[in-house]
Protein backbone atom coordinates (compact mmCIF):
# COMPACT_ATOMS: atom_id res chain seq x y z
CA MET A 1 -11.76 92.77 -25.81
CA ARG A 2 -12.42 90.11 -28.37
CA SER A 3 -11.55 90.68 -31.94
CA ARG A 4 -14.29 90.99 -34.56
CA ARG A 5 -13.11 87.70 -36.12
CA ALA A 6 -13.43 85.90 -32.78
CA ARG A 7 -16.99 87.25 -32.23
CA ILE A 8 -18.01 86.17 -35.71
CA GLY A 9 -16.52 82.75 -35.15
CA TRP A 10 -18.33 82.37 -31.84
CA THR A 11 -21.62 83.52 -33.42
CA LEU A 12 -21.26 81.03 -36.21
CA THR A 13 -20.52 78.20 -33.80
CA ILE A 14 -23.69 78.98 -31.85
CA LEU A 15 -25.78 79.16 -35.03
CA LEU A 16 -24.43 75.85 -36.27
CA ALA A 17 -25.09 74.19 -32.96
CA ALA A 18 -28.64 75.51 -32.84
CA GLY A 19 -29.25 74.39 -36.43
CA ALA A 20 -27.97 70.88 -35.62
CA ALA A 21 -30.16 70.65 -32.54
CA GLY A 22 -33.18 71.83 -34.57
CA ALA A 23 -32.43 69.26 -37.27
CA ALA A 24 -32.16 66.44 -34.69
CA ALA A 25 -35.47 67.46 -33.09
CA TYR A 26 -37.17 67.59 -36.49
CA ALA A 27 -35.83 64.16 -37.39
CA GLU A 28 -37.21 62.75 -34.12
CA TYR A 29 -40.57 64.37 -34.77
CA ARG A 30 -40.72 62.88 -38.28
CA ALA A 31 -39.84 59.44 -37.03
CA ASP A 32 -42.57 59.64 -34.29
CA ARG A 33 -45.02 60.96 -36.92
CA GLN A 34 -44.25 58.10 -39.31
CA GLN A 35 -44.72 55.56 -36.53
CA LEU A 36 -48.06 57.06 -35.59
CA GLU A 37 -49.20 56.94 -39.21
CA ARG A 38 -48.12 53.31 -39.53
CA GLN A 39 -50.00 52.37 -36.33
CA ALA A 40 -53.18 54.19 -37.51
CA GLU A 41 -53.02 52.51 -40.88
CA ALA A 42 -52.53 49.08 -39.30
CA MET A 43 -55.48 49.60 -36.91
CA THR A 44 -57.89 50.79 -39.57
CA GLY A 45 -56.68 49.23 -42.80
CA GLY A 46 -56.80 52.71 -44.33
CA SER A 47 -54.39 55.25 -45.69
CA VAL A 48 -53.65 58.46 -43.70
CA ALA A 49 -52.83 60.42 -46.86
CA ARG A 50 -56.04 59.38 -48.66
CA GLY A 51 -58.03 59.98 -45.45
CA LYS A 52 -56.81 63.59 -45.18
CA THR A 53 -57.94 64.12 -48.80
CA ALA A 54 -61.26 62.41 -48.16
CA PHE A 55 -61.85 64.44 -44.99
CA ALA A 56 -61.54 67.58 -47.10
CA ARG A 57 -63.48 66.19 -50.10
CA TYR A 58 -66.50 65.27 -47.96
CA GLY A 59 -66.51 68.71 -46.34
CA CYS A 60 -65.89 67.39 -42.84
CA GLY A 61 -63.97 70.64 -42.09
CA SER A 62 -67.13 72.70 -42.35
CA CYS A 63 -68.19 71.33 -38.95
CA HIS A 64 -64.88 70.01 -37.49
CA SER A 65 -61.36 71.37 -37.12
CA ALA A 66 -58.44 69.12 -37.91
CA SER A 67 -54.74 69.83 -38.03
CA GLY A 68 -53.14 69.65 -41.40
CA VAL A 69 -56.34 70.50 -43.34
CA PRO A 70 -56.43 74.27 -43.93
CA GLN A 71 -60.14 74.39 -44.73
CA ALA A 72 -61.05 72.39 -41.61
CA SER A 73 -61.89 75.08 -39.07
CA GLY A 74 -65.49 74.24 -38.29
CA LYS A 75 -66.96 74.96 -34.87
CA VAL A 76 -70.23 72.94 -35.10
CA GLY A 77 -68.88 69.46 -34.25
CA PRO A 78 -65.96 68.65 -31.86
CA PRO A 79 -62.38 69.24 -32.95
CA MET A 80 -60.70 66.10 -34.26
CA THR A 81 -57.53 66.67 -32.33
CA GLY A 82 -57.03 63.99 -29.72
CA ILE A 83 -59.71 61.67 -31.07
CA ALA A 84 -57.54 58.59 -30.49
CA GLY A 85 -57.60 59.28 -26.77
CA ARG A 86 -61.32 59.68 -26.40
CA ALA A 87 -63.41 56.96 -24.77
CA ILE A 88 -66.64 57.52 -26.76
CA ILE A 89 -67.44 58.35 -30.35
CA GLY A 90 -70.74 60.02 -31.40
CA GLY A 91 -71.90 60.11 -27.82
CA ARG A 92 -72.56 56.36 -27.59
CA LEU A 93 -69.94 54.13 -29.26
CA ASP A 94 -66.73 52.82 -27.67
CA ASN A 95 -63.73 54.33 -29.48
CA ARG A 96 -62.60 51.49 -31.69
CA PRO A 97 -61.72 51.57 -35.40
CA ASP A 98 -64.84 49.61 -36.42
CA ASN A 99 -67.08 51.96 -34.43
CA LEU A 100 -65.40 55.03 -35.81
CA ARG A 101 -65.96 53.76 -39.30
CA ARG A 102 -69.60 52.94 -38.45
CA TRP A 103 -70.11 56.45 -37.17
CA ILE A 104 -68.45 58.05 -40.22
CA GLU A 105 -70.52 55.94 -42.64
CA ASP A 106 -73.89 56.09 -40.91
CA PRO A 107 -74.20 58.64 -38.11
CA GLN A 108 -77.95 58.80 -38.36
CA GLY A 109 -78.20 55.02 -38.00
CA VAL A 110 -76.08 55.17 -34.83
CA SER A 111 -77.80 58.21 -33.33
CA PRO A 112 -80.97 59.29 -35.14
CA GLY A 113 -81.37 63.09 -35.23
CA THR A 114 -77.73 63.76 -34.51
CA ALA A 115 -76.30 66.95 -36.05
CA MET A 116 -73.77 64.89 -37.99
CA PRO A 117 -75.27 64.34 -41.49
CA ASP A 118 -75.12 61.23 -43.62
CA LEU A 119 -72.62 62.19 -46.23
CA GLY A 120 -72.64 58.91 -48.14
CA VAL A 121 -69.06 58.04 -47.11
CA THR A 122 -68.04 54.79 -48.72
CA PRO A 123 -66.46 51.93 -46.70
CA ALA A 124 -63.10 52.52 -48.40
CA ASP A 125 -63.17 56.21 -47.61
CA SER A 126 -64.27 55.62 -43.98
CA ARG A 127 -61.21 53.37 -43.46
CA ASP A 128 -58.97 56.16 -44.81
CA ILE A 129 -60.70 58.91 -42.82
CA ALA A 130 -60.46 56.83 -39.64
CA ALA A 131 -56.73 56.35 -40.21
CA PHE A 132 -56.31 60.10 -40.68
CA LEU A 133 -58.34 60.89 -37.57
CA TYR A 134 -56.31 58.55 -35.40
CA THR A 135 -53.24 60.60 -36.24
CA GLN A 136 -54.75 63.84 -34.97
CA SER A 137 -53.00 64.77 -31.74
């Protein structure tokens, strides 16, 4: 039978190993996330952080869900997760940063009568929102 001290030592060893593995996994996740954000910002010319704020400020979450935005739980429009992998935006535009910005700025001009309202999104804000959206996975 093992002594109490040996059991405690073994338990601490396991906990430390699990903690180290968790820390390594988190570090890898953060590095991947930072790379994704840099790529999205380079593609769009926008800022992911400002885009997340603008997404909330314009009330996009009333219709769309998006990870990382607590108030974004809408069910009217499509969820924003996975938008970078979609072929089409707004039902008719190829998924490219310039088209995503066009859709965000003037959805009624792209598709008259669409449920997506014209919110008066500025060009600067559309760059930022596009950068944020391209990080949604």
